[in-house]
Protein backbone atom coordinates (compact mmCIF):
# COMPACT_ATOMS: atom_id res chain seq x y z
CA UNK A 1 101.04 78.57 102.09
CA UNK A 2 98.92 77.82 104.96
CA UNK A 3 95.23 78.84 105.06
CA UNK A 4 95.79 81.12 107.81
CA UNK A 5 98.41 83.11 105.57
CA UNK A 6 96.15 83.12 102.77
CA UNK A 7 93.30 84.68 104.83
CA UNK A 8 95.62 87.31 106.41
CA UNK A 9 97.02 88.31 102.97
CA UNK A 10 93.31 88.53 101.66
CA UNK A 11 92.28 90.72 104.52
CA UNK A 12 95.29 92.80 104.07
CA UNK A 13 94.62 93.55 100.40
CA UNK A 14 90.79 94.29 101.00
CA UNK A 15 91.24 96.57 104.01
CA UNK A 16 94.18 98.31 102.25
CA UNK A 17 91.74 99.03 99.60
CA UNK A 18 89.14 100.11 101.88
CA UNK A 19 91.32 102.77 103.79
CA UNK A 20 92.84 104.27 100.55
CA UNK A 21 90.49 107.25 100.98
CA UNK A 22 90.86 107.89 104.73
CA UNK A 23 94.63 107.47 104.46
CA UNK A 24 94.75 110.25 101.73
CA UNK A 25 92.59 112.59 103.92
CA UNK A 26 94.46 111.80 107.04
CA UNK A 27 97.76 112.14 105.25
CA UNK A 28 96.74 115.59 103.47
CA UNK A 29 95.23 117.06 106.74
CA UNK A 30 98.34 116.05 108.66
CA UNK A 31 100.59 117.94 106.20
CA UNK A 32 98.29 120.97 106.45
CA UNK A 33 98.45 120.58 110.43
CA UNK A 34 102.15 120.26 110.49
CA UNK A 35 102.60 123.44 108.75
CA UNK A 36 99.80 125.34 110.54
CA UNK A 37 102.36 127.58 112.14
CA UNK A 38 103.61 128.53 108.61
CA UNK A 39 100.26 129.25 107.27
CA UNK A 40 100.20 126.69 104.66
CA UNK A 41 96.87 126.79 102.65
CA UNK A 42 95.36 129.47 104.58
CA UNK A 43 93.48 132.25 103.14
CA UNK A 44 91.99 135.41 104.51
CA UNK A 45 88.35 136.29 105.02
CA UNK A 46 86.83 139.45 105.25
CA UNK A 47 83.37 140.70 106.13
CA UNK A 48 81.46 143.73 106.95
CA UNK A 49 78.19 144.55 108.45
CA UNK A 50 76.41 147.35 110.36
CA UNK A 51 75.18 146.49 113.71
CA UNK A 52 73.91 148.25 116.85
CA UNK A 53 75.57 151.46 117.73
CA UNK A 54 77.36 152.24 121.17
CA UNK A 55 77.78 148.77 122.40
CA UNK A 56 79.71 148.59 125.68
CA UNK A 57 83.08 146.59 125.83
CA UNK A 58 81.87 144.36 128.30
CA UNK A 59 78.87 143.21 126.48
CA UNK A 60 80.17 143.07 122.83
CA UNK A 61 81.14 139.58 122.74
CA UNK A 62 77.39 138.49 123.46
CA UNK A 63 76.28 141.07 120.98
CA UNK A 64 78.77 139.94 118.35
CA UNK A 65 77.66 136.31 118.88
CA UNK A 66 73.93 137.45 118.05
CA UNK A 67 74.99 139.14 114.79
CA UNK A 68 76.92 135.92 113.81
CA UNK A 69 73.70 133.81 114.34
CA UNK A 70 71.67 136.24 112.38
CA UNK A 71 73.98 135.45 109.46
CA UNK A 72 75.27 139.08 108.89
CA UNK A 73 78.97 137.94 109.11
CA UNK A 74 78.38 134.60 106.70
CA UNK A 75 81.53 135.14 104.81
CA UNK A 76 83.88 134.57 108.00
CA UNK A 77 81.29 132.47 109.99
CA UNK A 78 79.10 130.16 107.80
CA UNK A 79 76.21 128.24 109.47
CA UNK A 80 78.41 125.20 110.10
CA UNK A 81 80.56 127.36 112.47
CA UNK A 82 77.84 128.50 114.90
CA UNK A 83 78.40 125.52 117.33
CA UNK A 84 82.07 126.46 117.76
CA UNK A 85 80.99 130.20 117.95
CA UNK A 86 78.57 129.46 120.56
CA UNK A 87 80.90 127.37 122.78
CA UNK A 88 84.34 128.78 122.15
CA UNK A 89 84.18 132.58 121.10
CA UNK A 90 85.70 134.80 123.37
CA UNK A 91 86.54 138.16 122.00
CA UNK A 92 89.11 140.15 123.98
CA UNK A 93 89.72 144.06 123.48
CA UNK A 94 93.19 144.88 122.38
CA UNK A 95 92.85 148.62 121.87
CA UNK A 96 90.37 151.60 121.76
CA UNK A 97 90.77 154.65 119.61
CA UNK A 98 88.46 157.50 120.28
CA UNK A 99 85.08 155.67 119.26
CA UNK A 100 86.74 152.54 117.60
CA UNK A 101 87.19 149.30 119.50
CA UNK A 102 89.51 146.37 118.51
CA UNK A 103 88.92 142.87 119.55
CA UNK A 104 90.91 139.58 118.74
CA UNK A 105 90.11 135.83 119.30
CA UNK A 106 91.40 132.41 118.14
CA UNK A 107 94.84 133.89 117.32
CA UNK A 108 93.62 134.73 113.97
CA UNK A 109 90.21 136.52 114.16
CA UNK A 110 90.17 140.32 114.27
CA UNK A 111 87.26 142.59 114.71
CA UNK A 112 87.16 146.40 114.30
CA UNK A 113 83.89 148.18 115.76
CA UNK A 114 82.93 151.93 115.29
CA UNK A 115 80.84 152.70 118.02
CA UNK A 116 79.27 155.72 116.51
CA UNK A 117 78.24 154.29 113.27
CA UNK A 118 77.91 150.64 114.28
CA UNK A 119 80.44 149.60 111.44
CA UNK A 120 81.73 146.24 111.90
CA UNK A 121 84.76 144.86 110.10
CA UNK A 122 85.83 141.24 110.73
CA UNK A 123 88.90 139.43 109.46
CA UNK A 124 89.79 135.79 109.76
CA UNK A 125 92.75 133.87 108.59
CA UNK A 126 91.72 130.34 108.16
CA UNK A 127 91.46 127.07 105.76
CA UNK A 128 89.01 127.13 103.01
CA UNK A 129 85.82 125.61 103.97
CA UNK A 130 86.32 122.46 101.74
CA UNK A 131 89.73 122.11 103.69
CA UNK A 132 88.47 122.76 107.04
CA UNK A 133 85.93 120.23 107.09
CA UNK A 134 88.77 117.55 106.92
CA UNK A 135 90.87 119.55 109.11
CA UNK A 136 88.36 119.38 111.85
CA UNK A 137 87.75 115.64 111.17
CA UNK A 138 91.64 115.15 111.89
CA UNK A 139 91.22 116.80 115.34
CA UNK A 140 88.12 114.98 116.15
CA UNK A 141 87.01 115.11 119.91
CA UNK A 142 85.44 112.15 121.64
CA UNK A 143 81.84 113.81 121.43
CA UNK A 144 82.28 113.64 117.42
CA UNK A 145 81.15 111.00 115.04
CA UNK A 146 84.69 111.30 113.29
CA UNK A 147 86.37 110.19 116.55
CA UNK A 148 84.62 106.83 116.11
CA UNK A 149 85.88 106.62 112.67
CA UNK A 150 89.14 107.23 113.72
CA UNK A 151 89.18 104.60 116.19
CA UNK A 152 88.33 101.99 113.60
CA UNK A 153 90.91 103.43 111.16
CA UNK A 154 93.48 103.25 113.72
CA UNK A 155 92.81 99.58 114.38
CA UNK A 156 92.51 98.90 110.67
CA UNK A 157 96.18 100.44 110.23
CA UNK A 158 97.36 98.48 113.14
CA UNK A 159 96.23 95.29 111.65
CA UNK A 160 97.84 96.32 108.35
CA UNK A 161 101.16 96.89 109.79
CA UNK A 162 101.13 93.48 111.66
CA UNK A 163 99.82 91.71 108.77
CA UNK A 164 102.66 92.68 106.70
CA UNK A 165 104.75 90.22 108.10
CA UNK A 166 102.76 87.53 106.10
CA UNK A 167 102.61 89.22 102.94
CA UNK A 168 105.98 88.45 101.22
CA UNK A 169 107.93 85.10 101.57
CA UNK A 170 111.48 84.33 100.90
CA UNK A 171 114.41 86.70 100.76
CA UNK A 172 112.39 89.72 100.41
CA UNK A 173 109.89 88.61 103.17
CA UNK A 174 109.78 89.96 106.67
CA UNK A 175 112.05 87.49 108.44
CA UNK A 176 115.00 88.57 106.04
CA UNK A 177 114.69 92.07 104.64
CA UNK A 178 111.61 93.36 106.50
CA UNK A 179 113.24 92.86 109.95
CA UNK A 180 115.84 95.66 109.05
CA UNK A 181 113.23 97.72 107.43
CA UNK A 182 111.09 97.61 110.56
CA UNK A 183 114.21 98.28 112.84
CA UNK A 184 115.14 101.11 110.45
CA UNK A 185 111.50 102.72 111.08
CA UNK A 186 111.88 102.33 114.79
CA UNK A 187 115.17 104.02 114.67
CA UNK A 188 113.82 107.05 112.83
CA UNK A 189 111.00 107.57 115.35
CA UNK A 190 113.74 107.34 118.13
CA UNK A 191 115.98 109.97 116.22
CA UNK A 192 113.16 112.49 116.08
CA UNK A 193 112.29 112.00 119.52
CA UNK A 194 115.90 112.72 120.40
CA UNK A 195 116.16 115.84 118.15
C-alpha cells in the first residue's frame, strides 16, 4: 500500500470519527424537517396573559411584540426567540367577533385577544426547545455561525465520499464492487428526481 493510500485511509478514519456527532444531528433534523408537513415531533404550546385593553387592530402587532419582549408569553416565546419575533413576526387578523379579535402568523401561531378585558390567549404548534435549536441549526442562514460549520461539514463529507475509493482493496474494493454501488446510488437519486 502506497504512503498516499495510507494517509488517505488514516484521514478518512479520523474525520469519520470527528463528524459522528454532526452527522447524527443533521440526520435526525433532516428526518424531522422532511416530516414537518405531517407534524412529526411537534407539540402545542399555550400561554395566557392580561395586557392593555382596547388595542386597535392596526397597532396590535407592535403591541404584541412589546408584550413578548416583557416576558409575559414565555411559554410560547422564550428569550431565545426574541430575535425572530423582532424581525419576522407579522400577525394578521383572521376574524373579529364582537370584542374578540383573532390573529394568525407563521402558519402555526394563533392569537385570541379580548379587547374589553385585555385577556390574551396564545397558541403555537412547534418543536420542543431542545429539538428546535438543532432544527434552526440545520436551516442556518449565511449570517449564522452554524452556516460556517455546515460548510466545513459539507467539505468533510465530500472528502469522506471521495476518499472511500482508497479504503478497501481487492474484489470488495472500489474498482470492482464499489463502482456498482456508486452507480446504484446515482440511479436512486435520478429515480427520485424523476418521480
